[in-house]
Amino acid sequence: AYLHTHTHTPPLLPDLWRQAARTETLERELATATAALWAATAPLEAQLAEQAEQAAYLRSALAAAEGRAERAREAHARAQEHADAQLAQVRSRLVARTEQLLRFDHGGSTSDGGGSGGGGGDGGGSGNGVSGANRRPTAAEVAAEIADELRREREAHRCAVCLERPQETVLLPCSHSVLCASCTAHVERASGRCPLCRATIESSIRIFK
C-alpha cells in the first residue's frame, strides 16, 4: 500500500505579528519611561544650575568680604600706628615740660637772686639780677603753658562733627579717623561721605586710643 506522509509546518506569521506587537509595546513603554525620566530630571538640573549660580555668588561675596576685612585690618593698623606715634609725641613733650617745671621748682630761686651791688662808689643799688629781656618764665607760667598745650592736644583729637567726644572710628576705604562713634553712625545714615575728604564711606571700624 502506498503511504502518504504529510509534514505539518508551524504558522510563523502570527508569531512574527505577536513579536512585532510586543516590540512596539516595549518601545512605547521605553519612550514613556524616557519622557518621565526627563520630566523628573529637568527640575533637578534647574535646581543644580541655581545652586551653582548661588555658589558662584557666595564665592564672589566671600572674596569681597575678605577684601573689605583686609582693608579694615590695614586701616586699623595704620590708625593704631598713627595713634601710637601721637601718644609717643605727647608723652615726650609732657616729660620734657615736666622736667622743665621740676628744674624751675628746684633751681628757680637761684636764677632770681638779688644781685645787690656792694661796691664802693655810687653803685650801691640793689638789682634783681635779671633783665626784662632775659627773664626766665616762672614755674606757674610753665605749668600754665603745659596745661594750655594739653588742652589744645585734647581738642585736636575731638570729633570733627560734635567737637565734644573723642575720635573713635576709622572710615573705610579712606582710613580717616575724625569722628566719634555716635557721629559716625549719623554721618553714615545721612550723607554717607567722609567729612574730611568727601569719599564714600563703605564701612567703619571702632578704635580705642
N, C-alpha and C. Protein backbone atom coordinates (compact mmCIF):
# COMPACT_ATOMS: atom_id res chain seq x y z
N ALA A 1 0.85 -1.18 0.00
CA ALA A 1 0.00 0.00 0.00
C ALA A 1 0.89 1.24 0.00
N TYR A 2 0.41 2.22 -0.58
CA TYR A 2 1.15 3.47 -0.67
C TYR A 2 0.75 4.35 0.49
N LEU A 3 1.81 4.71 1.31
CA LEU A 3 1.54 5.55 2.48
C LEU A 3 1.94 6.99 2.14
N HIS A 4 1.00 7.86 2.31
CA HIS A 4 1.25 9.29 2.05
C HIS A 4 1.52 9.98 3.38
N THR A 5 2.77 10.49 3.53
CA THR A 5 3.13 11.20 4.77
C THR A 5 2.98 12.71 4.55
N HIS A 6 2.29 13.36 5.48
CA HIS A 6 2.05 14.82 5.40
C HIS A 6 2.79 15.51 6.54
N THR A 7 3.76 16.42 6.21
CA THR A 7 4.54 17.17 7.23
C THR A 7 3.82 18.48 7.53
N HIS A 8 3.54 18.73 8.87
CA HIS A 8 2.83 19.95 9.30
C HIS A 8 3.84 21.08 9.53
N THR A 9 3.70 22.24 8.87
CA THR A 9 4.58 23.41 9.02
C THR A 9 3.94 24.39 10.00
N PRO A 10 4.66 24.78 11.08
CA PRO A 10 4.06 25.69 12.08
C PRO A 10 3.79 27.05 11.45
N PRO A 11 2.76 27.68 11.86
CA PRO A 11 2.42 29.01 11.32
C PRO A 11 3.36 30.08 11.88
N LEU A 12 4.30 30.57 11.09
CA LEU A 12 5.28 31.56 11.55
C LEU A 12 4.74 32.98 11.53
N LEU A 13 3.86 33.30 10.66
CA LEU A 13 3.39 34.68 10.52
C LEU A 13 2.70 35.21 11.77
N PRO A 14 1.83 34.49 12.40
CA PRO A 14 1.21 35.01 13.64
C PRO A 14 2.24 35.27 14.73
N ASP A 15 3.27 34.40 14.81
CA ASP A 15 4.31 34.63 15.83
C ASP A 15 5.07 35.93 15.56
N LEU A 16 5.34 36.19 14.30
CA LEU A 16 6.03 37.43 13.96
C LEU A 16 5.19 38.65 14.30
N TRP A 17 3.89 38.52 14.06
CA TRP A 17 2.99 39.63 14.40
C TRP A 17 2.98 39.89 15.91
N ARG A 18 2.95 38.79 16.66
CA ARG A 18 2.94 38.96 18.12
C ARG A 18 4.26 39.59 18.61
N GLN A 19 5.36 39.13 18.02
CA GLN A 19 6.65 39.70 18.42
C GLN A 19 6.75 41.19 18.04
N ALA A 20 6.24 41.53 16.87
CA ALA A 20 6.25 42.92 16.45
C ALA A 20 5.39 43.78 17.38
N ALA A 21 4.24 43.24 17.74
CA ALA A 21 3.37 43.98 18.67
C ALA A 21 4.04 44.15 20.03
N ARG A 22 4.69 43.07 20.47
CA ARG A 22 5.39 43.15 21.75
C ARG A 22 6.52 44.18 21.70
N THR A 23 7.25 44.18 20.57
CA THR A 23 8.34 45.15 20.41
C THR A 23 7.79 46.58 20.41
N GLU A 24 6.69 46.77 19.73
CA GLU A 24 6.08 48.11 19.70
C GLU A 24 5.64 48.55 21.08
N THR A 25 5.10 47.61 21.83
CA THR A 25 4.67 47.93 23.20
C THR A 25 5.86 48.31 24.06
N LEU A 26 6.94 47.54 23.92
CA LEU A 26 8.14 47.85 24.69
C LEU A 26 8.72 49.21 24.31
N GLU A 27 8.68 49.53 23.02
CA GLU A 27 9.19 50.83 22.58
C GLU A 27 8.35 51.97 23.15
N ARG A 28 7.02 51.77 23.18
CA ARG A 28 6.16 52.80 23.77
C ARG A 28 6.45 52.95 25.27
N GLU A 29 6.63 51.82 25.94
CA GLU A 29 6.93 51.88 27.37
C GLU A 29 8.28 52.57 27.61
N LEU A 30 9.26 52.27 26.73
CA LEU A 30 10.57 52.91 26.86
C LEU A 30 10.46 54.41 26.63
N ALA A 31 9.69 54.81 25.61
CA ALA A 31 9.51 56.24 25.34
C ALA A 31 8.83 56.93 26.52
N THR A 32 7.82 56.25 27.08
CA THR A 32 7.13 56.83 28.25
C THR A 32 8.08 56.97 29.44
N ALA A 33 8.88 55.93 29.66
CA ALA A 33 9.83 55.97 30.78
C ALA A 33 10.88 57.05 30.56
N THR A 34 11.33 57.19 29.29
CA THR A 34 12.33 58.22 28.99
C THR A 34 11.75 59.61 29.23
N ALA A 35 10.51 59.83 28.78
CA ALA A 35 9.86 61.13 28.99
C ALA A 35 9.69 61.41 30.48
N ALA A 36 9.31 60.38 31.24
CA ALA A 36 9.16 60.56 32.68
C ALA A 36 10.49 60.87 33.34
N LEU A 37 11.55 60.22 32.84
CA LEU A 37 12.87 60.48 33.40
C LEU A 37 13.32 61.91 33.13
N TRP A 38 13.09 62.36 31.89
CA TRP A 38 13.44 63.74 31.56
C TRP A 38 12.61 64.72 32.39
N ALA A 39 11.34 64.41 32.56
CA ALA A 39 10.48 65.29 33.37
C ALA A 39 10.95 65.34 34.82
N ALA A 40 11.47 64.21 35.30
CA ALA A 40 11.94 64.18 36.69
C ALA A 40 13.29 64.86 36.85
N THR A 41 14.15 64.74 35.84
CA THR A 41 15.50 65.30 35.97
C THR A 41 15.56 66.78 35.62
N ALA A 42 14.61 67.28 34.85
CA ALA A 42 14.65 68.69 34.45
C ALA A 42 14.63 69.63 35.66
N PRO A 43 13.72 69.43 36.63
CA PRO A 43 13.77 70.30 37.82
C PRO A 43 15.07 70.16 38.59
N LEU A 44 15.60 68.93 38.65
CA LEU A 44 16.86 68.73 39.35
C LEU A 44 18.00 69.47 38.67
N GLU A 45 18.01 69.43 37.34
CA GLU A 45 19.04 70.16 36.61
C GLU A 45 18.91 71.67 36.81
N ALA A 46 17.65 72.15 36.81
CA ALA A 46 17.43 73.57 37.06
C ALA A 46 17.87 73.95 38.47
N GLN A 47 17.55 73.08 39.44
CA GLN A 47 17.97 73.33 40.81
C GLN A 47 19.49 73.31 40.93
N LEU A 48 20.11 72.37 40.23
CA LEU A 48 21.57 72.29 40.26
C LEU A 48 22.20 73.54 39.66
N ALA A 49 21.63 74.02 38.56
CA ALA A 49 22.14 75.25 37.94
C ALA A 49 21.97 76.44 38.87
N GLU A 50 20.82 76.50 39.55
CA GLU A 50 20.58 77.60 40.50
C GLU A 50 21.56 77.54 41.66
N GLN A 51 21.81 76.32 42.16
CA GLN A 51 22.77 76.17 43.25
C GLN A 51 24.19 76.55 42.82
N ALA A 52 24.53 76.20 41.58
CA ALA A 52 25.85 76.59 41.07
C ALA A 52 25.96 78.11 40.97
N GLU A 53 24.87 78.76 40.55
CA GLU A 53 24.88 80.22 40.47
C GLU A 53 25.00 80.84 41.86
N GLN A 54 24.26 80.26 42.83
CA GLN A 54 24.35 80.76 44.20
C GLN A 54 25.75 80.55 44.77
N ALA A 55 26.35 79.41 44.45
CA ALA A 55 27.71 79.15 44.94
C ALA A 55 28.70 80.17 44.36
N ALA A 56 28.53 80.49 43.07
CA ALA A 56 29.40 81.49 42.46
C ALA A 56 29.21 82.86 43.12
N TYR A 57 27.93 83.20 43.41
CA TYR A 57 27.66 84.48 44.08
C TYR A 57 28.27 84.51 45.47
N LEU A 58 28.14 83.40 46.20
CA LEU A 58 28.70 83.34 47.55
C LEU A 58 30.22 83.44 47.52
N ARG A 59 30.84 82.78 46.52
CA ARG A 59 32.29 82.90 46.41
C ARG A 59 32.71 84.34 46.14
N SER A 60 31.94 85.02 45.26
CA SER A 60 32.25 86.41 44.97
C SER A 60 32.04 87.29 46.20
N ALA A 61 30.92 87.04 46.92
CA ALA A 61 30.66 87.82 48.14
C ALA A 61 31.72 87.57 49.19
N LEU A 62 32.16 86.31 49.30
CA LEU A 62 33.21 85.98 50.28
C LEU A 62 34.51 86.69 49.93
N ALA A 63 34.85 86.69 48.64
CA ALA A 63 36.07 87.38 48.22
C ALA A 63 35.98 88.87 48.51
N ALA A 64 34.80 89.46 48.25
CA ALA A 64 34.63 90.89 48.54
C ALA A 64 34.72 91.16 50.04
N ALA A 65 34.10 90.28 50.84
CA ALA A 65 34.17 90.45 52.30
C ALA A 65 35.60 90.31 52.81
N GLU A 66 36.33 89.36 52.25
CA GLU A 66 37.73 89.21 52.66
C GLU A 66 38.55 90.44 52.27
N GLY A 67 38.23 91.01 51.09
CA GLY A 67 38.92 92.23 50.69
C GLY A 67 38.62 93.38 51.63
N ARG A 68 37.32 93.52 52.01
CA ARG A 68 36.96 94.58 52.96
C ARG A 68 37.62 94.35 54.31
N ALA A 69 37.64 93.10 54.75
CA ALA A 69 38.27 92.79 56.04
C ALA A 69 39.76 93.11 56.01
N GLU A 70 40.40 92.80 54.89
CA GLU A 70 41.83 93.09 54.77
C GLU A 70 42.08 94.59 54.79
N ARG A 71 41.22 95.34 54.06
CA ARG A 71 41.37 96.80 54.08
C ARG A 71 41.12 97.36 55.48
N ALA A 72 40.13 96.75 56.18
CA ALA A 72 39.85 97.20 57.54
C ALA A 72 41.03 96.93 58.46
N ARG A 73 41.64 95.75 58.31
CA ARG A 73 42.81 95.44 59.13
C ARG A 73 43.95 96.41 58.85
N GLU A 74 44.17 96.70 57.57
CA GLU A 74 45.24 97.63 57.21
C GLU A 74 44.94 99.03 57.75
N ALA A 75 43.67 99.46 57.62
CA ALA A 75 43.32 100.78 58.13
C ALA A 75 43.46 100.84 59.65
N HIS A 76 43.03 99.77 60.32
CA HIS A 76 43.16 99.73 61.77
C HIS A 76 44.63 99.77 62.18
N ALA A 77 45.47 99.04 61.45
CA ALA A 77 46.90 99.04 61.76
C ALA A 77 47.49 100.43 61.56
N ARG A 78 47.09 101.09 60.44
CA ARG A 78 47.60 102.45 60.21
C ARG A 78 47.12 103.42 61.28
N ALA A 79 45.83 103.28 61.64
CA ALA A 79 45.29 104.17 62.67
C ALA A 79 45.96 103.92 64.02
N GLN A 80 46.20 102.65 64.33
CA GLN A 80 46.86 102.33 65.59
C GLN A 80 48.29 102.86 65.60
N GLU A 81 48.97 102.72 64.45
CA GLU A 81 50.34 103.23 64.35
C GLU A 81 50.37 104.75 64.50
N HIS A 82 49.39 105.40 63.86
CA HIS A 82 49.31 106.87 63.98
C HIS A 82 49.01 107.28 65.41
N ALA A 83 48.08 106.55 66.06
CA ALA A 83 47.74 106.87 67.44
C ALA A 83 48.93 106.64 68.37
N ASP A 84 49.65 105.55 68.14
CA ASP A 84 50.84 105.28 68.97
C ASP A 84 51.90 106.37 68.79
N ALA A 85 52.08 106.81 67.53
CA ALA A 85 53.07 107.86 67.29
C ALA A 85 52.65 109.17 67.96
N GLN A 86 51.35 109.49 67.86
CA GLN A 86 50.88 110.71 68.52
C GLN A 86 51.03 110.61 70.03
N LEU A 87 50.70 109.43 70.57
CA LEU A 87 50.83 109.24 72.01
C LEU A 87 52.28 109.36 72.46
N ALA A 88 53.19 108.81 71.66
CA ALA A 88 54.61 108.92 71.99
C ALA A 88 55.07 110.38 71.98
N GLN A 89 54.58 111.14 70.99
CA GLN A 89 54.94 112.55 70.92
C GLN A 89 54.40 113.32 72.13
N VAL A 90 53.14 113.03 72.48
CA VAL A 90 52.55 113.70 73.63
C VAL A 90 53.32 113.37 74.90
N ARG A 91 53.66 112.09 75.06
CA ARG A 91 54.41 111.69 76.25
C ARG A 91 55.79 112.36 76.29
N SER A 92 56.44 112.42 75.13
CA SER A 92 57.76 113.05 75.07
C SER A 92 57.67 114.52 75.45
N ARG A 93 56.68 115.23 74.88
CA ARG A 93 56.53 116.64 75.22
C ARG A 93 56.16 116.83 76.69
N LEU A 94 55.30 115.93 77.19
CA LEU A 94 54.90 116.04 78.59
C LEU A 94 56.09 115.81 79.52
N VAL A 95 56.92 114.82 79.19
CA VAL A 95 58.11 114.57 80.01
C VAL A 95 59.05 115.77 79.97
N ALA A 96 59.25 116.33 78.77
CA ALA A 96 60.14 117.49 78.65
C ALA A 96 59.61 118.67 79.46
N ARG A 97 58.28 118.90 79.37
CA ARG A 97 57.69 120.00 80.12
C ARG A 97 57.78 119.75 81.62
N THR A 98 57.55 118.50 82.02
CA THR A 98 57.63 118.18 83.44
C THR A 98 59.04 118.38 83.97
N GLU A 99 60.03 117.94 83.19
CA GLU A 99 61.42 118.15 83.61
C GLU A 99 61.75 119.63 83.71
N GLN A 100 61.23 120.39 82.75
CA GLN A 100 61.47 121.84 82.79
C GLN A 100 60.83 122.45 84.04
N LEU A 101 59.62 122.00 84.35
CA LEU A 101 58.94 122.51 85.53
C LEU A 101 59.69 122.14 86.80
N LEU A 102 60.21 120.90 86.86
CA LEU A 102 60.97 120.48 88.04
C LEU A 102 62.26 121.29 88.19
N ARG A 103 62.89 121.59 87.04
CA ARG A 103 64.10 122.40 87.13
C ARG A 103 63.81 123.79 87.69
N PHE A 104 62.69 124.35 87.29
CA PHE A 104 62.32 125.65 87.84
C PHE A 104 61.98 125.56 89.32
N ASP A 105 61.32 124.46 89.70
CA ASP A 105 60.96 124.30 91.11
C ASP A 105 62.20 124.20 91.99
N HIS A 106 63.24 123.51 91.50
CA HIS A 106 64.42 123.29 92.32
C HIS A 106 65.47 124.38 92.17
N GLY A 107 65.54 125.01 91.02
CA GLY A 107 66.62 125.99 90.82
C GLY A 107 66.16 127.38 90.51
N GLY A 108 64.87 127.62 90.60
CA GLY A 108 64.35 128.94 90.25
C GLY A 108 64.80 130.02 91.19
N SER A 109 65.00 129.64 92.45
CA SER A 109 65.36 130.67 93.42
C SER A 109 66.73 131.25 93.14
N THR A 110 67.65 130.43 92.60
CA THR A 110 68.99 130.93 92.32
C THR A 110 69.00 131.85 91.12
N SER A 111 68.08 131.61 90.17
CA SER A 111 68.07 132.46 88.98
C SER A 111 67.51 133.83 89.27
N ASP A 112 66.68 133.91 90.34
CA ASP A 112 66.08 135.19 90.66
C ASP A 112 66.87 135.93 91.73
N GLY A 113 68.14 135.55 91.96
CA GLY A 113 68.92 136.11 93.05
C GLY A 113 69.03 137.62 92.98
N GLY A 114 68.97 138.25 94.14
CA GLY A 114 69.05 139.70 94.18
C GLY A 114 70.48 140.16 94.12
N GLY A 115 70.95 140.45 93.00
CA GLY A 115 72.36 140.84 92.84
C GLY A 115 72.64 142.19 93.45
N SER A 116 72.75 142.24 94.74
CA SER A 116 72.99 143.52 95.43
C SER A 116 74.42 143.98 95.18
N GLY A 117 74.53 145.12 94.62
CA GLY A 117 75.86 145.64 94.32
C GLY A 117 76.48 146.28 95.55
N GLY A 118 77.42 145.62 96.16
CA GLY A 118 78.03 146.16 97.37
C GLY A 118 79.30 146.93 97.10
N GLY A 119 79.52 147.41 95.90
CA GLY A 119 80.76 148.12 95.57
C GLY A 119 80.86 149.47 96.27
N GLY A 120 82.05 149.94 96.27
CA GLY A 120 82.31 151.20 96.92
C GLY A 120 81.80 152.38 96.17
N GLY A 121 81.78 152.92 95.27
CA GLY A 121 81.36 154.09 94.53
C GLY A 121 79.89 154.37 94.72
N ASP A 122 79.33 154.85 93.65
CA ASP A 122 77.92 155.20 93.70
C ASP A 122 77.02 153.99 93.45
N GLY A 123 77.57 152.88 93.02
CA GLY A 123 76.70 151.76 92.60
C GLY A 123 76.26 150.92 93.76
N GLY A 124 75.58 151.45 94.67
CA GLY A 124 75.07 150.64 95.78
C GLY A 124 73.67 150.15 95.55
N GLY A 125 73.15 150.32 94.35
CA GLY A 125 71.76 149.94 94.10
C GLY A 125 71.56 148.44 94.13
N SER A 126 70.40 148.06 94.56
CA SER A 126 70.07 146.62 94.61
C SER A 126 69.36 146.25 93.32
N GLY A 127 69.88 145.32 92.57
CA GLY A 127 69.23 144.86 91.34
C GLY A 127 68.68 143.46 91.51
N ASN A 128 67.75 143.11 90.66
CA ASN A 128 67.19 141.76 90.74
C ASN A 128 68.01 140.76 89.96
N GLY A 129 69.06 141.20 89.29
CA GLY A 129 69.98 140.28 88.62
C GLY A 129 69.45 139.73 87.32
N VAL A 130 68.22 140.05 86.91
CA VAL A 130 67.64 139.51 85.67
C VAL A 130 67.03 140.66 84.90
N SER A 131 67.45 140.86 83.67
CA SER A 131 66.88 141.92 82.85
C SER A 131 65.53 141.48 82.30
N GLY A 132 64.74 142.44 81.89
CA GLY A 132 63.41 142.10 81.37
C GLY A 132 63.47 141.26 80.12
N ALA A 133 64.47 141.51 79.27
CA ALA A 133 64.54 140.77 78.00
C ALA A 133 64.94 139.33 78.23
N ASN A 134 65.76 139.09 79.27
CA ASN A 134 66.27 137.74 79.51
C ASN A 134 65.56 137.03 80.66
N ARG A 135 64.44 137.55 81.06
CA ARG A 135 63.74 136.95 82.19
C ARG A 135 63.25 135.55 81.85
N ARG A 136 63.54 134.60 82.71
CA ARG A 136 63.08 133.23 82.50
C ARG A 136 61.66 133.09 83.04
N PRO A 137 60.82 132.26 82.38
CA PRO A 137 59.44 132.11 82.86
C PRO A 137 59.41 131.45 84.22
N THR A 138 58.42 131.82 84.98
CA THR A 138 58.26 131.25 86.31
C THR A 138 57.64 129.86 86.21
N ALA A 139 57.67 129.14 87.34
CA ALA A 139 57.08 127.80 87.36
C ALA A 139 55.59 127.85 87.07
N ALA A 140 54.92 128.86 87.55
CA ALA A 140 53.48 128.99 87.30
C ALA A 140 53.21 129.20 85.82
N GLU A 141 54.05 130.00 85.17
CA GLU A 141 53.87 130.24 83.74
C GLU A 141 54.13 128.97 82.93
N VAL A 142 55.15 128.21 83.33
CA VAL A 142 55.43 126.94 82.63
C VAL A 142 54.27 125.97 82.82
N ALA A 143 53.75 125.88 84.04
CA ALA A 143 52.61 124.99 84.30
C ALA A 143 51.40 125.39 83.48
N ALA A 144 51.15 126.70 83.38
CA ALA A 144 50.02 127.18 82.59
C ALA A 144 50.21 126.86 81.11
N GLU A 145 51.45 126.99 80.63
CA GLU A 145 51.74 126.67 79.23
C GLU A 145 51.54 125.19 78.95
N ILE A 146 51.97 124.33 79.90
CA ILE A 146 51.77 122.88 79.74
C ILE A 146 50.28 122.55 79.70
N ALA A 147 49.52 123.14 80.61
CA ALA A 147 48.08 122.89 80.65
C ALA A 147 47.41 123.34 79.36
N ASP A 148 47.84 124.49 78.83
CA ASP A 148 47.26 125.00 77.59
C ASP A 148 47.61 124.10 76.42
N GLU A 149 48.83 123.59 76.39
CA GLU A 149 49.24 122.69 75.31
C GLU A 149 48.46 121.38 75.37
N LEU A 150 48.28 120.84 76.57
CA LEU A 150 47.49 119.62 76.71
C LEU A 150 46.05 119.84 76.29
N ARG A 151 45.51 121.02 76.60
CA ARG A 151 44.13 121.32 76.19
C ARG A 151 44.03 121.37 74.67
N ARG A 152 45.00 122.00 74.01
CA ARG A 152 44.98 122.06 72.55
C ARG A 152 45.10 120.66 71.94
N GLU A 153 45.90 119.81 72.54
CA GLU A 153 46.05 118.45 72.01
C GLU A 153 44.76 117.66 72.18
N ARG A 154 44.08 117.85 73.31
CA ARG A 154 42.80 117.16 73.50
C ARG A 154 41.78 117.64 72.48
N GLU A 155 41.76 118.95 72.22
CA GLU A 155 40.82 119.48 71.24
C GLU A 155 41.14 118.98 69.84
N ALA A 156 42.42 118.77 69.54
CA ALA A 156 42.80 118.29 68.21
C ALA A 156 42.33 116.86 67.97
N HIS A 157 42.07 116.11 69.05
CA HIS A 157 41.63 114.73 68.91
C HIS A 157 40.13 114.57 69.15
N ARG A 158 39.39 115.68 69.11
CA ARG A 158 37.95 115.59 69.28
C ARG A 158 37.27 115.35 67.94
N CYS A 159 36.03 114.88 68.03
CA CYS A 159 35.22 114.59 66.84
C CYS A 159 35.04 115.86 66.01
N ALA A 160 35.18 115.72 64.69
CA ALA A 160 35.08 116.87 63.80
C ALA A 160 33.64 117.37 63.65
N VAL A 161 32.65 116.58 64.10
CA VAL A 161 31.25 116.97 63.96
C VAL A 161 30.72 117.58 65.25
N CYS A 162 30.78 116.82 66.34
CA CYS A 162 30.21 117.31 67.60
C CYS A 162 31.20 118.15 68.41
N LEU A 163 32.49 118.00 68.14
CA LEU A 163 33.55 118.74 68.84
C LEU A 163 33.52 118.50 70.35
N GLU A 164 32.95 117.38 70.76
CA GLU A 164 32.86 117.06 72.19
C GLU A 164 33.52 115.73 72.52
N ARG A 165 33.09 114.68 71.83
CA ARG A 165 33.60 113.35 72.13
C ARG A 165 34.90 113.09 71.36
N PRO A 166 35.71 112.14 71.83
CA PRO A 166 36.98 111.85 71.15
C PRO A 166 36.76 111.10 69.84
N GLN A 167 37.75 111.15 68.97
CA GLN A 167 37.71 110.39 67.71
C GLN A 167 37.82 108.91 68.03
N GLU A 168 36.84 108.12 67.54
CA GLU A 168 36.75 106.72 67.96
C GLU A 168 36.67 105.74 66.80
N THR A 169 36.57 106.21 65.57
CA THR A 169 36.36 105.31 64.44
C THR A 169 37.32 105.63 63.30
N VAL A 170 37.52 104.62 62.44
CA VAL A 170 38.27 104.80 61.19
C VAL A 170 37.29 104.54 60.05
N LEU A 171 37.20 105.47 59.12
CA LEU A 171 36.30 105.34 57.98
C LEU A 171 37.02 104.62 56.85
N LEU A 172 36.29 103.72 56.19
CA LEU A 172 36.87 102.96 55.09
C LEU A 172 36.14 103.28 53.81
N PRO A 173 36.84 103.38 52.68
CA PRO A 173 38.25 103.00 52.49
C PRO A 173 39.25 104.15 52.65
N CYS A 174 38.81 105.35 53.04
CA CYS A 174 39.74 106.48 53.07
C CYS A 174 40.67 106.46 54.29
N SER A 175 40.31 105.68 55.32
CA SER A 175 41.14 105.48 56.53
C SER A 175 41.28 106.74 57.38
N HIS A 176 40.36 107.69 57.25
CA HIS A 176 40.43 108.88 58.10
C HIS A 176 39.77 108.59 59.45
N SER A 177 40.37 109.15 60.50
CA SER A 177 39.84 109.00 61.86
C SER A 177 39.55 110.38 62.41
N VAL A 178 38.30 110.85 62.19
CA VAL A 178 37.93 112.21 62.59
C VAL A 178 36.60 112.27 63.32
N LEU A 179 35.94 111.12 63.53
CA LEU A 179 34.60 111.12 64.11
C LEU A 179 34.52 110.25 65.35
N CYS A 180 33.59 110.59 66.23
CA CYS A 180 33.26 109.70 67.34
C CYS A 180 32.30 108.63 66.83
N ALA A 181 32.00 107.64 67.65
CA ALA A 181 31.15 106.53 67.22
C ALA A 181 29.74 107.00 66.91
N SER A 182 29.19 107.89 67.74
CA SER A 182 27.83 108.36 67.53
C SER A 182 27.71 109.16 66.24
N CYS A 183 28.63 110.08 66.01
CA CYS A 183 28.58 110.89 64.78
C CYS A 183 28.90 110.06 63.54
N THR A 184 29.70 109.01 63.69
CA THR A 184 29.96 108.12 62.56
C THR A 184 28.66 107.48 62.08
N ALA A 185 27.87 106.96 63.03
CA ALA A 185 26.58 106.35 62.67
C ALA A 185 25.67 107.37 62.01
N HIS A 186 25.65 108.60 62.52
CA HIS A 186 24.80 109.64 61.94
C HIS A 186 25.25 110.00 60.53
N VAL A 187 26.55 110.16 60.32
CA VAL A 187 27.07 110.53 59.00
C VAL A 187 26.83 109.41 58.00
N GLU A 188 26.98 108.15 58.43
CA GLU A 188 26.73 107.03 57.52
C GLU A 188 25.28 107.00 57.08
N ARG A 189 24.35 107.34 57.98
CA ARG A 189 22.94 107.36 57.60
C ARG A 189 22.60 108.58 56.75
N ALA A 190 23.25 109.70 57.01
CA ALA A 190 22.90 110.95 56.33
C ALA A 190 23.58 111.06 54.97
N SER A 191 24.79 111.56 54.94
CA SER A 191 25.47 111.79 53.66
C SER A 191 26.23 110.56 53.16
N GLY A 192 26.71 109.74 54.09
CA GLY A 192 27.50 108.58 53.69
C GLY A 192 28.86 108.93 53.15
N ARG A 193 29.36 110.11 53.49
CA ARG A 193 30.67 110.56 52.98
C ARG A 193 31.55 111.03 54.13
N CYS A 194 32.85 110.82 53.94
CA CYS A 194 33.81 111.27 54.94
C CYS A 194 33.79 112.80 55.00
N PRO A 195 33.65 113.40 56.19
CA PRO A 195 33.61 114.86 56.27
C PRO A 195 34.94 115.52 55.94
N LEU A 196 36.02 114.75 55.90
CA LEU A 196 37.34 115.32 55.62
C LEU A 196 37.66 115.33 54.13
N CYS A 197 37.47 114.17 53.46
CA CYS A 197 37.84 114.06 52.05
C CYS A 197 36.64 113.86 51.13
N ARG A 198 35.44 113.69 51.71
CA ARG A 198 34.19 113.50 50.95
C ARG A 198 34.14 112.18 50.20
N ALA A 199 34.99 111.24 50.55
CA ALA A 199 34.94 109.91 49.92
C ALA A 199 33.74 109.14 50.47
N THR A 200 33.17 108.26 49.64
CA THR A 200 32.04 107.45 50.08
C THR A 200 32.49 106.48 51.18
N ILE A 201 31.69 106.41 52.24
CA ILE A 201 32.01 105.52 53.36
C ILE A 201 31.41 104.15 53.08
N GLU A 202 32.27 103.15 52.93
CA GLU A 202 31.80 101.78 52.75
C GLU A 202 31.55 101.09 54.09
N SER A 203 32.38 101.36 55.06
CA SER A 203 32.22 100.79 56.39
C SER A 203 33.09 101.59 57.36
N SER A 204 32.99 101.25 58.62
CA SER A 204 33.80 101.91 59.65
C SER A 204 34.14 100.90 60.73
N ILE A 205 35.25 101.14 61.40
CA ILE A 205 35.67 100.26 62.48
C ILE A 205 35.96 101.10 63.72
N ARG A 206 35.69 100.51 64.87
CA ARG A 206 35.91 101.21 66.15
C ARG A 206 37.37 101.04 66.57
N ILE A 207 37.96 102.10 67.03
CA ILE A 207 39.33 102.05 67.53
C ILE A 207 39.34 102.61 68.94
N PHE A 208 40.37 102.25 69.66
CA PHE A 208 40.50 102.71 71.04
C PHE A 208 41.88 103.33 71.19
N LYS A 209 41.91 104.63 71.42
CA LYS A 209 43.17 105.35 71.52
C LYS A 209 43.55 105.51 72.99
